Amino acid sequence: MKLKKKSMEDIVLDLIIYTLLLAMAFVCLYPMWYILMASFTNSSELALNPGFLLWPKKFVGNAYKLVFENPLFLNSFWNSIKIELLSLPINIVLTLLCGYFLACSGMMWKKPLAFMVLFTMFFTGGMIPNYLNVKDLRLYNTIWALVLPGAMTVYNAIICKTSIEAIPDSLKDAAYIDGANDFHIIFKVILPLIKPTLAVLLLYYGVAHWNAWFNASIYITDNAKIPVQNVLRSVLLANKDMAGSGDEYNAYAETIKYAAIVVSTFPILCIYPFLQKYFAKGALIGAVKG
C-alpha cells in the first residue's frame, strides 16, 4: 500500500504541534531538572547565579550525605513509610466495601445510608470538631491520628462503585447460587476483576498520604512522630537547616533544601511507573459506566 505524501501544510502543522509539545514538556520537566541540578550545586554559586540552571555549578554531593546523616529527616522518612503501610490496606478495604454497598441494588436502607455517605463530600464537621474528636478518641499525638481520619475518601468509593457496576450481575448471581456470601463475592469475584481500578486508587491514596502535612501539624506534637513532609516544610518555609547548627550544615544550607526535596519525592517517582499501565484503564473504567 502506497503511503500518501504529506503536503507542505501538513508538514508545517506537524512542526508547530511538535514545537508546542516540546515547549510544554520543557515547562513541566524543567522545574524538576532545576531542583535536581541545584541539589548538586554549591550554595554560594546558587546565591551568586540565581535563575536558569542546566548543569551543576561547582559540583558537590555533600548535601545528600548530610541529609541521610540527619536523624530527624531519616526518622520522619520512616514515619511516612509506616503511615503508608498502615493506611493503604485500610483505605482499599473500606473503599471496596463502600463501593460494593453503593453498587448493590436491593440493600436495606440503601438510600438513606448512601445519602449519609455522599453528604460527607459536601459538608464536614470542620477543623475544631475534628480536633476534639481525635483527642476524645485518644488518637492525639499518635500515628493513628494520621491514618484513621482519612481512612476512606467518598470520591474514591464512587470510582470503585462505578467499576463494580460494570461487572455483569450474572457473575454475582452464580456465586450466590454456589453458596458464596457477600464477602466471598467481594474478595474472590469482584476484587480480581477491578484490579486496574484498585491500582489507581492505591496511587491516589499513596500520593495523598505521602504529601500530607496539615494533619500532622495539628495532631502531632512529638518531633519523633512527624512525617517527612513536615520536616521538608520547616526546611523550606521556616528557612531552617535540618541540623540547626554546625558550620558544615550552614555551608550547604541552600543545597540541602533541594537535596531534601529530591529524596522525599524519589519514592513516589519509583512507584508510579509500576502502576502507570493500570492508570488510564482503571481511571476510565471507574469514571465511565458501560
C-alpha atoms as a PDB file:
ATOM      1  CA  MET A   1       0.000   0.000   0.000  1.00  0.00           C
ATOM      2  CA  LYS A   2       1.496   3.290  -1.099  1.00  0.00           C
ATOM      3  CA  LEU A   3       1.747   5.940   1.605  1.00  0.00           C
ATOM      4  CA  LYS A   4       0.296   9.324   0.843  1.00  0.00           C
ATOM      5  CA  LYS A   5       2.921  12.024   0.612  1.00  0.00           C
ATOM      6  CA  LYS A   6       2.449  14.822   3.112  1.00  0.00           C
ATOM      7  CA  SER A   7       1.710  18.257   1.770  1.00  0.00           C
ATOM      8  CA  MET A   8       3.650  21.352   2.832  1.00  0.00           C
ATOM      9  CA  GLU A   9       0.693  22.464   5.006  1.00  0.00           C
ATOM     10  CA  ASP A  10       0.734  19.123   6.867  1.00  0.00           C
ATOM     11  CA  ILE A  11       4.489  19.366   7.444  1.00  0.00           C
ATOM     12  CA  VAL A  12       4.201  22.917   8.799  1.00  0.00           C
ATOM     13  CA  LEU A  13       1.288  21.900  11.038  1.00  0.00           C
ATOM     14  CA  ASP A  14       3.279  18.928  12.388  1.00  0.00           C
ATOM     15  CA  LEU A  15       6.244  21.184  13.133  1.00  0.00           C
ATOM     16  CA  ILE A  16       4.015  23.615  15.020  1.00  0.00           C
ATOM     17  CA  ILE A  17       2.411  20.792  17.034  1.00  0.00           C
ATOM     18  CA  TYR A  18       5.753  19.167  17.885  1.00  0.00           C
ATOM     19  CA  THR A  19       7.229  22.536  18.851  1.00  0.00           C
ATOM     20  CA  LEU A  20       4.313  23.280  21.182  1.00  0.00           C
ATOM     21  CA  LEU A  21       4.511  19.788  22.723  1.00  0.00           C
ATOM     22  CA  LEU A  22       8.254  20.135  23.287  1.00  0.00           C
ATOM     23  CA  ALA A  23       7.737  23.561  24.850  1.00  0.00           C
ATOM     24  CA  MET A  24       5.049  22.180  27.170  1.00  0.00           C
ATOM     25  CA  ALA A  25       7.251  19.223  28.104  1.00  0.00           C
ATOM     26  CA  PHE A  26      10.122  21.588  28.883  1.00  0.00           C
ATOM     27  CA  VAL A  27       7.898  23.788  31.067  1.00  0.00           C
ATOM     28  CA  CYS A  28       6.723  20.723  33.002  1.00  0.00           C
ATOM     29  CA  LEU A  29      10.090  18.982  33.348  1.00  0.00           C
ATOM     30  CA  TYR A  30      12.460  21.911  33.862  1.00  0.00           C
ATOM     31  CA  PRO A  31      11.440  22.657  37.499  1.00  0.00           C
ATOM     32  CA  MET A  32      12.259  19.046  38.446  1.00  0.00           C
ATOM     33  CA  TRP A  33      15.519  19.209  36.489  1.00  0.00           C
ATOM     34  CA  TYR A  34      16.420  22.517  38.172  1.00  0.00           C
ATOM     35  CA  ILE A  35      15.861  21.045  41.657  1.00  0.00           C
ATOM     36  CA  LEU A  36      17.998  18.002  40.784  1.00  0.00           C
ATOM     37  CA  MET A  37      20.838  20.144  39.414  1.00  0.00           C
ATOM     38  CA  ALA A  38      20.617  22.616  42.293  1.00  0.00           C
ATOM     39  CA  SER A  39      20.983  19.748  44.770  1.00  0.00           C
ATOM     40  CA  PHE A  40      24.465  19.136  43.336  1.00  0.00           C
ATOM     41  CA  THR A  41      25.463  22.816  43.141  1.00  0.00           C
ATOM     42  CA  ASN A  42      27.448  24.725  45.728  1.00  0.00           C
ATOM     43  CA  SER A  43      25.226  27.006  47.857  1.00  0.00           C
ATOM     44  CA  SER A  44      27.361  30.074  47.200  1.00  0.00           C
ATOM     45  CA  GLU A  45      27.058  29.510  43.441  1.00  0.00           C
ATOM     46  CA  LEU A  46      23.267  29.289  43.749  1.00  0.00           C
ATOM     47  CA  ALA A  47      23.226  32.605  45.605  1.00  0.00           C
ATOM     48  CA  LEU A  48      25.545  34.321  43.124  1.00  0.00           C
ATOM     49  CA  ASN A  49      23.888  32.892  39.993  1.00  0.00           C
ATOM     50  CA  PRO A  50      20.124  32.689  40.503  1.00  0.00           C
ATOM     51  CA  GLY A  51      17.868  31.809  37.584  1.00  0.00           C
ATOM     52  CA  PHE A  52      18.376  29.380  34.723  1.00  0.00           C
ATOM     53  CA  LEU A  53      20.380  26.262  35.597  1.00  0.00           C
ATOM     54  CA  LEU A  54      21.066  23.363  33.239  1.00  0.00           C
ATOM     55  CA  TRP A  55      24.138  21.812  34.870  1.00  0.00           C
ATOM     56  CA  PRO A  56      25.571  21.874  38.397  1.00  0.00           C
ATOM     57  CA  LYS A  57      27.969  24.723  39.123  1.00  0.00           C
ATOM     58  CA  LYS A  58      30.889  23.581  41.284  1.00  0.00           C
ATOM     59  CA  PHE A  59      29.560  20.054  41.651  1.00  0.00           C
ATOM     60  CA  VAL A  60      29.140  18.891  45.264  1.00  0.00           C
ATOM     61  CA  GLY A  61      27.492  15.798  46.718  1.00  0.00           C
ATOM     62  CA  ASN A  62      27.800  16.607  50.403  1.00  0.00           C
ATOM     63  CA  ALA A  63      24.182  17.770  50.648  1.00  0.00           C
ATOM     64  CA  TYR A  64      22.862  14.225  50.159  1.00  0.00           C
ATOM     65  CA  LYS A  65      25.375  12.903  52.673  1.00  0.00           C
ATOM     66  CA  LEU A  66      24.198  15.431  55.254  1.00  0.00           C
ATOM     67  CA  VAL A  67      20.530  14.669  54.521  1.00  0.00           C
ATOM     68  CA  PHE A  68      20.995  10.924  55.047  1.00  0.00           C
ATOM     69  CA  GLU A  69      23.056  11.510  58.175  1.00  0.00           C
ATOM     70  CA  ASN A  70      20.393  13.719  59.724  1.00  0.00           C
ATOM     71  CA  PRO A  71      18.424  11.696  62.321  1.00  0.00           C
ATOM     72  CA  LEU A  72      15.322  13.922  62.158  1.00  0.00           C
ATOM     73  CA  PHE A  73      14.961  13.534  58.397  1.00  0.00           C
ATOM     74  CA  LEU A  74      15.588   9.769  58.425  1.00  0.00           C
ATOM     75  CA  ASN A  75      13.137   9.241  61.283  1.00  0.00           C
ATOM     76  CA  SER A  76      10.439  11.320  59.561  1.00  0.00           C
ATOM     77  CA  PHE A  77      11.068   9.447  56.307  1.00  0.00           C
ATOM     78  CA  TRP A  78      10.486   6.141  58.102  1.00  0.00           C
ATOM     79  CA  ASN A  79       7.352   7.601  59.733  1.00  0.00           C
ATOM     80  CA  SER A  80       5.934   8.403  56.293  1.00  0.00           C
ATOM     81  CA  ILE A  81       6.610   4.843  55.137  1.00  0.00           C
ATOM     82  CA  LYS A  82       4.865   3.465  58.237  1.00  0.00           C
ATOM     83  CA  ILE A  83       1.859   5.691  57.564  1.00  0.00           C
ATOM     84  CA  GLU A  84       1.682   4.332  54.009  1.00  0.00           C
ATOM     85  CA  LEU A  85       1.952   0.704  55.143  1.00  0.00           C
ATOM     86  CA  LEU A  86      -0.756   1.163  57.767  1.00  0.00           C
ATOM     87  CA  SER A  87      -3.091   3.342  55.705  1.00  0.00           C
ATOM     88  CA  LEU A  88      -3.196   1.708  52.277  1.00  0.00           C
ATOM     89  CA  PRO A  89      -4.687  -1.679  53.311  1.00  0.00           C
ATOM     90  CA  ILE A  90      -7.329   0.108  55.403  1.00  0.00           C
ATOM     91  CA  ASN A  91      -8.052   2.546  52.560  1.00  0.00           C
ATOM     92  CA  ILE A  92      -8.524  -0.164  49.942  1.00  0.00           C
ATOM     93  CA  VAL A  93     -10.644  -2.480  52.104  1.00  0.00           C
ATOM     94  CA  LEU A  94     -13.001   0.296  53.267  1.00  0.00           C
ATOM     95  CA  THR A  95     -13.259   1.790  49.779  1.00  0.00           C
ATOM     96  CA  LEU A  96     -14.032  -1.625  48.298  1.00  0.00           C
ATOM     97  CA  LEU A  97     -16.712  -2.340  50.910  1.00  0.00           C
ATOM     98  CA  CYS A  98     -18.317   1.086  50.488  1.00  0.00           C
ATOM     99  CA  GLY A  99     -18.177   0.840  46.680  1.00  0.00           C
ATOM    100  CA  TYR A 100     -19.811  -2.593  46.813  1.00  0.00           C
ATOM    101  CA  PHE A 101     -22.605  -1.288  49.047  1.00  0.00           C
ATOM    102  CA  LEU A 102     -23.265   1.680  46.753  1.00  0.00           C
ATOM    103  CA  ALA A 103     -23.230  -0.565  43.667  1.00  0.00           C
ATOM    104  CA  CYS A 104     -25.623  -3.201  45.004  1.00  0.00           C
ATOM    105  CA  SER A 105     -29.357  -2.871  44.470  1.00  0.00           C
ATOM    106  CA  GLY A 106     -31.993  -4.028  46.916  1.00  0.00           C
ATOM    107  CA  MET A 107     -29.929  -3.290  50.043  1.00  0.00           C
ATOM    108  CA  MET A 108     -31.880  -2.467  53.207  1.00  0.00           C
ATOM    109  CA  TRP A 109     -31.923   1.293  53.926  1.00  0.00           C
ATOM    110  CA  LYS A 110     -29.632   1.882  50.970  1.00  0.00           C
ATOM    111  CA  LYS A 111     -30.971   5.323  50.028  1.00  0.00           C
ATOM    112  CA  PRO A 112     -30.643   6.977  53.464  1.00  0.00           C
ATOM    113  CA  LEU A 113     -27.260   5.347  54.116  1.00  0.00           C
ATOM    114  CA  ALA A 114     -25.973   6.312  50.643  1.00  0.00           C
ATOM    115  CA  PHE A 115     -27.189   9.872  51.275  1.00  0.00           C
ATOM    116  CA  MET A 116     -25.263   9.968  54.553  1.00  0.00           C
ATOM    117  CA  VAL A 117     -22.119   8.770  52.771  1.00  0.00           C
ATOM    118  CA  LEU A 118     -22.444  11.263  49.899  1.00  0.00           C
ATOM    119  CA  PHE A 119     -23.343  14.089  52.299  1.00  0.00           C
ATOM    120  CA  THR A 120     -19.802  13.999  53.701  1.00  0.00           C
ATOM    121  CA  MET A 121     -18.433  15.004  50.278  1.00  0.00           C
ATOM    122  CA  PHE A 122     -20.024  18.435  50.572  1.00  0.00           C
ATOM    123  CA  PHE A 123     -20.174  19.121  54.320  1.00  0.00           C
ATOM    124  CA  THR A 124     -17.691  18.298  57.082  1.00  0.00           C
ATOM    125  CA  GLY A 125     -17.602  18.937  60.798  1.00  0.00           C
ATOM    126  CA  GLY A 126     -14.748  21.418  60.460  1.00  0.00           C
ATOM    127  CA  MET A 127     -11.273  21.569  61.907  1.00  0.00           C
ATOM    128  CA  ILE A 128     -12.172  22.179  65.563  1.00  0.00           C
ATOM    129  CA  PRO A 129     -14.736  19.319  65.856  1.00  0.00           C
ATOM    130  CA  ASN A 130     -12.284  17.000  64.103  1.00  0.00           C
ATOM    131  CA  TYR A 131      -9.545  18.027  66.520  1.00  0.00           C
ATOM    132  CA  LEU A 132     -11.806  17.419  69.545  1.00  0.00           C
ATOM    133  CA  ASN A 133     -12.881  14.084  68.080  1.00  0.00           C
ATOM    134  CA  VAL A 134      -9.267  12.956  67.675  1.00  0.00           C
ATOM    135  CA  LYS A 135      -8.487  13.982  71.270  1.00  0.00           C
ATOM    136  CA  ASP A 136     -11.545  12.258  72.714  1.00  0.00           C
ATOM    137  CA  LEU A 137     -10.676   9.044  70.855  1.00  0.00           C
ATOM    138  CA  ARG A 138      -7.165   9.237  72.368  1.00  0.00           C
ATOM    139  CA  LEU A 139      -5.541   9.376  68.959  1.00  0.00           C
ATOM    140  CA  TYR A 140      -3.817  12.692  69.634  1.00  0.00           C
ATOM    141  CA  ASN A 141      -0.037  12.583  69.181  1.00  0.00           C
ATOM    142  CA  THR A 142      -0.170   9.039  67.762  1.00  0.00           C
ATOM    143  CA  ILE A 143       0.389   7.776  64.228  1.00  0.00           C
ATOM    144  CA  TRP A 144      -3.256   6.646  64.115  1.00  0.00           C
ATOM    145  CA  ALA A 145      -4.335  10.296  64.050  1.00  0.00           C
ATOM    146  CA  LEU A 146      -2.801  10.408  60.562  1.00  0.00           C
ATOM    147  CA  VAL A 147      -4.286   7.068  59.466  1.00  0.00           C
ATOM    148  CA  LEU A 148      -7.864   6.716  60.684  1.00  0.00           C
ATOM    149  CA  PRO A 149      -9.404  10.178  59.948  1.00  0.00           C
ATOM    150  CA  GLY A 150      -8.599   9.733  56.258  1.00  0.00           C
ATOM    151  CA  ALA A 151      -9.351   6.010  56.116  1.00  0.00           C
ATOM    152  CA  MET A 152     -11.720   6.413  53.149  1.00  0.00           C
ATOM    153  CA  THR A 153     -12.484   9.039  50.540  1.00  0.00           C
ATOM    154  CA  VAL A 154     -16.040   9.090  49.192  1.00  0.00           C
ATOM    155  CA  TYR A 155     -14.839  10.214  45.759  1.00  0.00           C
ATOM    156  CA  ASN A 156     -12.646   7.095  45.502  1.00  0.00           C
ATOM    157  CA  ALA A 157     -15.562   4.952  46.717  1.00  0.00           C
ATOM    158  CA  ILE A 158     -17.681   6.324  43.857  1.00  0.00           C
ATOM    159  CA  ILE A 159     -14.936   5.393  41.364  1.00  0.00           C
ATOM    160  CA  CYS A 160     -14.881   1.889  42.868  1.00  0.00           C
ATOM    161  CA  LYS A 161     -18.699   1.726  42.746  1.00  0.00           C
ATOM    162  CA  THR A 162     -18.773   2.584  39.036  1.00  0.00           C
ATOM    163  CA  SER A 163     -16.150  -0.064  38.318  1.00  0.00           C
ATOM    164  CA  ILE A 164     -18.144  -2.700  40.233  1.00  0.00           C
ATOM    165  CA  GLU A 165     -21.320  -1.785  38.348  1.00  0.00           C
ATOM    166  CA  ALA A 166     -19.551  -2.668  35.094  1.00  0.00           C
ATOM    167  CA  ILE A 167     -19.279  -6.308  36.254  1.00  0.00           C
ATOM    168  CA  PRO A 168     -22.177  -8.462  34.931  1.00  0.00           C
ATOM    169  CA  ASP A 169     -24.751  -9.359  37.570  1.00  0.00           C
ATOM    170  CA  SER A 170     -24.704 -12.942  36.297  1.00  0.00           C
ATOM    171  CA  LEU A 171     -21.305 -13.494  37.940  1.00  0.00           C
ATOM    172  CA  LYS A 172     -22.628 -12.400  41.342  1.00  0.00           C
ATOM    173  CA  ASP A 173     -25.802 -14.464  40.902  1.00  0.00           C
ATOM    174  CA  ALA A 174     -23.787 -17.559  40.007  1.00  0.00           C
ATOM    175  CA  ALA A 175     -21.655 -17.061  43.124  1.00  0.00           C
ATOM    176  CA  TYR A 176     -24.788 -16.739  45.284  1.00  0.00           C
ATOM    177  CA  ILE A 177     -26.169 -19.984  43.814  1.00  0.00           C
ATOM    178  CA  ASP A 178     -22.894 -21.742  44.680  1.00  0.00           C
ATOM    179  CA  GLY A 179     -23.300 -20.650  48.306  1.00  0.00           C
ATOM    180  CA  ALA A 180     -20.995 -17.641  48.420  1.00  0.00           C
ATOM    181  CA  ASN A 181     -21.779 -14.760  50.757  1.00  0.00           C
ATOM    182  CA  ASP A 182     -21.107 -11.066  50.124  1.00  0.00           C
ATOM    183  CA  PHE A 183     -17.552 -11.201  51.489  1.00  0.00           C
ATOM    184  CA  HIS A 184     -16.675 -14.113  49.197  1.00  0.00           C
ATOM    185  CA  ILE A 185     -18.109 -12.205  46.242  1.00  0.00           C
ATOM    186  CA  ILE A 186     -16.199  -9.030  47.121  1.00  0.00           C
ATOM    187  CA  PHE A 187     -12.779 -10.593  47.642  1.00  0.00           C
ATOM    188  CA  LYS A 188     -12.922 -13.596  45.287  1.00  0.00           C
ATOM    189  CA  VAL A 189     -15.083 -12.375  42.394  1.00  0.00           C
ATOM    190  CA  ILE A 190     -15.074  -8.572  42.298  1.00  0.00           C
ATOM    191  CA  LEU A 191     -11.571  -7.770  43.550  1.00  0.00           C
ATOM    192  CA  PRO A 192      -9.708  -9.736  40.812  1.00  0.00           C
ATOM    193  CA  LEU A 193     -11.863  -8.093  38.118  1.00  0.00           C
ATOM    194  CA  ILE A 194     -11.260  -4.486  39.190  1.00  0.00           C
ATOM    195  CA  LYS A 195      -7.503  -4.661  39.827  1.00  0.00           C
ATOM    196  CA  PRO A 196      -6.769  -1.742  37.435  1.00  0.00           C
ATOM    197  CA  THR A 197      -9.163   0.491  39.347  1.00  0.00           C
ATOM    198  CA  LEU A 198      -7.704  -0.586  42.684  1.00  0.00           C
ATOM    199  CA  ALA A 199      -4.196   0.161  41.380  1.00  0.00           C
ATOM    200  CA  VAL A 200      -5.340   3.695  40.535  1.00  0.00           C
ATOM    201  CA  LEU A 201      -6.908   4.080  43.990  1.00  0.00           C
ATOM    202  CA  LEU A 202      -3.678   2.872  45.581  1.00  0.00           C
ATOM    203  CA  LEU A 203      -1.843   5.585  43.679  1.00  0.00           C
ATOM    204  CA  TYR A 204      -4.384   8.241  44.709  1.00  0.00           C
ATOM    205  CA  TYR A 205      -4.250   7.271  48.380  1.00  0.00           C
ATOM    206  CA  GLY A 206      -0.494   6.741  48.398  1.00  0.00           C
ATOM    207  CA  VAL A 207       0.329  10.152  46.932  1.00  0.00           C
ATOM    208  CA  ALA A 208      -2.202  11.853  49.220  1.00  0.00           C
ATOM    209  CA  HIS A 209      -0.691  10.267  52.350  1.00  0.00           C
ATOM    210  CA  TRP A 210       2.883  10.926  51.261  1.00  0.00           C
ATOM    211  CA  ASN A 211       2.212  14.621  50.552  1.00  0.00           C
ATOM    212  CA  ALA A 212       0.047  15.225  53.637  1.00  0.00           C
ATOM    213  CA  TRP A 213       1.419  17.577  56.269  1.00  0.00           C
ATOM    214  CA  PHE A 214      -1.534  19.547  57.658  1.00  0.00           C
ATOM    215  CA  ASN A 215      -2.979  16.839  59.933  1.00  0.00           C
ATOM    216  CA  ALA A 216       0.444  16.124  61.417  1.00  0.00           C
ATOM    217  CA  SER A 217       0.943  19.808  62.201  1.00  0.00           C
ATOM    218  CA  ILE A 218      -2.323  19.745  64.188  1.00  0.00           C
ATOM    219  CA  TYR A 219      -2.358  16.308  65.810  1.00  0.00           C
ATOM    220  CA  ILE A 220       1.344  15.523  66.332  1.00  0.00           C
ATOM    221  CA  THR A 221       3.462  17.359  68.920  1.00  0.00           C
ATOM    222  CA  ASP A 222       6.356  14.901  69.169  1.00  0.00           C
ATOM    223  CA  ASN A 223       9.038  15.527  66.540  1.00  0.00           C
ATOM    224  CA  ALA A 224       9.884  11.817  66.595  1.00  0.00           C
ATOM    225  CA  LYS A 225       6.441  11.032  65.084  1.00  0.00           C
ATOM    226  CA  ILE A 226       6.135  13.675  62.336  1.00  0.00           C
ATOM    227  CA  PRO A 227       6.181  12.623  58.639  1.00  0.00           C
ATOM    228  CA  VAL A 228       8.809  13.749  56.157  1.00  0.00           C
ATOM    229  CA  GLN A 229       6.649  16.475  54.576  1.00  0.00           C
ATOM    230  CA  ASN A 230       6.521  18.400  57.859  1.00  0.00           C
ATOM    231  CA  VAL A 231      10.303  18.352  58.103  1.00  0.00           C
ATOM    232  CA  LEU A 232      10.539  19.447  54.474  1.00  0.00           C
ATOM    233  CA  ARG A 233       8.037  22.246  55.126  1.00  0.00           C
ATOM    234  CA  SER A 234      10.056  23.563  58.060  1.00  0.00           C
ATOM    235  CA  VAL A 235      13.202  23.454  55.940  1.00  0.00           C
ATOM    236  CA  LEU A 236      11.641  25.359  53.025  1.00  0.00           C
ATOM    237  CA  LEU A 237       9.282  27.843  54.706  1.00  0.00           C
ATOM    238  CA  ALA A 238      10.952  28.495  58.026  1.00  0.00           C
ATOM    239  CA  ASN A 239      14.341  28.843  56.263  1.00  0.00           C
ATOM    240  CA  LYS A 240      15.992  26.467  58.690  1.00  0.00           C
ATOM    241  CA  ASP A 241      18.521  23.770  58.024  1.00  0.00           C
ATOM    242  CA  MET A 242      17.786  20.325  59.390  1.00  0.00           C
ATOM    243  CA  ALA A 243      20.602  20.376  61.902  1.00  0.00           C
ATOM    244  CA  GLY A 244      20.032  23.859  63.254  1.00  0.00           C
ATOM    245  CA  SER A 245      23.748  24.390  63.825  1.00  0.00           C
ATOM    246  CA  GLY A 246      27.157  23.417  62.549  1.00  0.00           C
ATOM    247  CA  ASP A 247      29.491  25.036  60.030  1.00  0.00           C
ATOM    248  CA  GLU A 248      29.165  22.186  57.524  1.00  0.00           C
ATOM    249  CA  TYR A 249      25.362  22.387  57.509  1.00  0.00           C
ATOM    250  CA  ASN A 250      25.430  26.171  57.211  1.00  0.00           C
ATOM    251  CA  ALA A 251      27.813  25.955  54.247  1.00  0.00           C
ATOM    252  CA  TYR A 252      25.393  23.685  52.366  1.00  0.00           C
ATOM    253  CA  ALA A 253      22.117  25.079  53.767  1.00  0.00           C
ATOM    254  CA  GLU A 254      20.624  26.064  50.394  1.00  0.00           C
ATOM    255  CA  THR A 255      21.759  22.887  48.631  1.00  0.00           C
ATOM    256  CA  ILE A 256      20.378  20.737  51.471  1.00  0.00           C
ATOM    257  CA  LYS A 257      16.901  22.098  50.769  1.00  0.00           C
ATOM    258  CA  TYR A 258      16.992  20.876  47.184  1.00  0.00           C
ATOM    259  CA  ALA A 259      18.525  17.534  48.189  1.00  0.00           C
ATOM    260  CA  ALA A 260      15.743  17.009  50.760  1.00  0.00           C
ATOM    261  CA  ILE A 261      13.114  17.691  48.064  1.00  0.00           C
ATOM    262  CA  VAL A 262      14.712  15.130  45.727  1.00  0.00           C
ATOM    263  CA  VAL A 263      14.958  12.449  48.430  1.00  0.00           C
ATOM    264  CA  SER A 264      11.381  12.977  49.657  1.00  0.00           C
ATOM    265  CA  THR A 265       9.999  12.849  46.093  1.00  0.00           C
ATOM    266  CA  PHE A 266      12.017   9.840  44.952  1.00  0.00           C
ATOM    267  CA  PRO A 267       9.773   7.050  46.420  1.00  0.00           C
ATOM    268  CA  ILE A 268       6.658   8.273  44.583  1.00  0.00           C
ATOM    269  CA  LEU A 269       8.596   8.595  41.325  1.00  0.00           C
ATOM    270  CA  CYS A 270       9.795   4.995  41.736  1.00  0.00           C
ATOM    271  CA  ILE A 271       6.322   3.572  42.426  1.00  0.00           C
ATOM    272  CA  TYR A 272       4.461   5.418  39.655  1.00  0.00           C
ATOM    273  CA  PRO A 273       5.998   3.512  36.659  1.00  0.00           C
ATOM    274  CA  PHE A 274       4.759   0.188  38.084  1.00  0.00           C
ATOM    275  CA  LEU A 275       1.170   1.488  38.294  1.00  0.00           C
ATOM    276  CA  GLN A 276       1.200   3.570  35.127  1.00  0.00           C
ATOM    277  CA  LYS A 277      -0.048   0.724  32.895  1.00  0.00           C
ATOM    278  CA  TYR A 278      -3.187   0.468  35.059  1.00  0.00           C
ATOM    279  CA  PHE A 279      -3.739   4.201  35.381  1.00  0.00           C
ATOM    280  CA  ALA A 280      -5.556   5.059  32.137  1.00  0.00           C
ATOM    281  CA  LYS A 281      -7.588   1.837  32.079  1.00  0.00           C
ATOM    282  CA  GLY A 282      -8.513   1.960  35.767  1.00  0.00           C
ATOM    283  CA  ALA A 283      -9.465   5.627  35.773  1.00  0.00           C
ATOM    284  CA  LEU A 284     -11.575   5.183  32.638  1.00  0.00           C
ATOM    285  CA  ILE A 285     -13.407   2.108  33.952  1.00  0.00           C
ATOM    286  CA  GLY A 286     -14.038   3.809  37.267  1.00  0.00           C
ATOM    287  CA  ALA A 287     -15.284   7.021  35.708  1.00  0.00           C
ATOM    288  CA  VAL A 288     -17.486   5.834  32.825  1.00  0.00           C
ATOM    289  CA  LYS A 289     -20.218   3.240  33.169  1.00  0.00           C
ATOM    290  CA  GLY A 290     -20.853   0.864  30.335  1.00  0.00           C
END
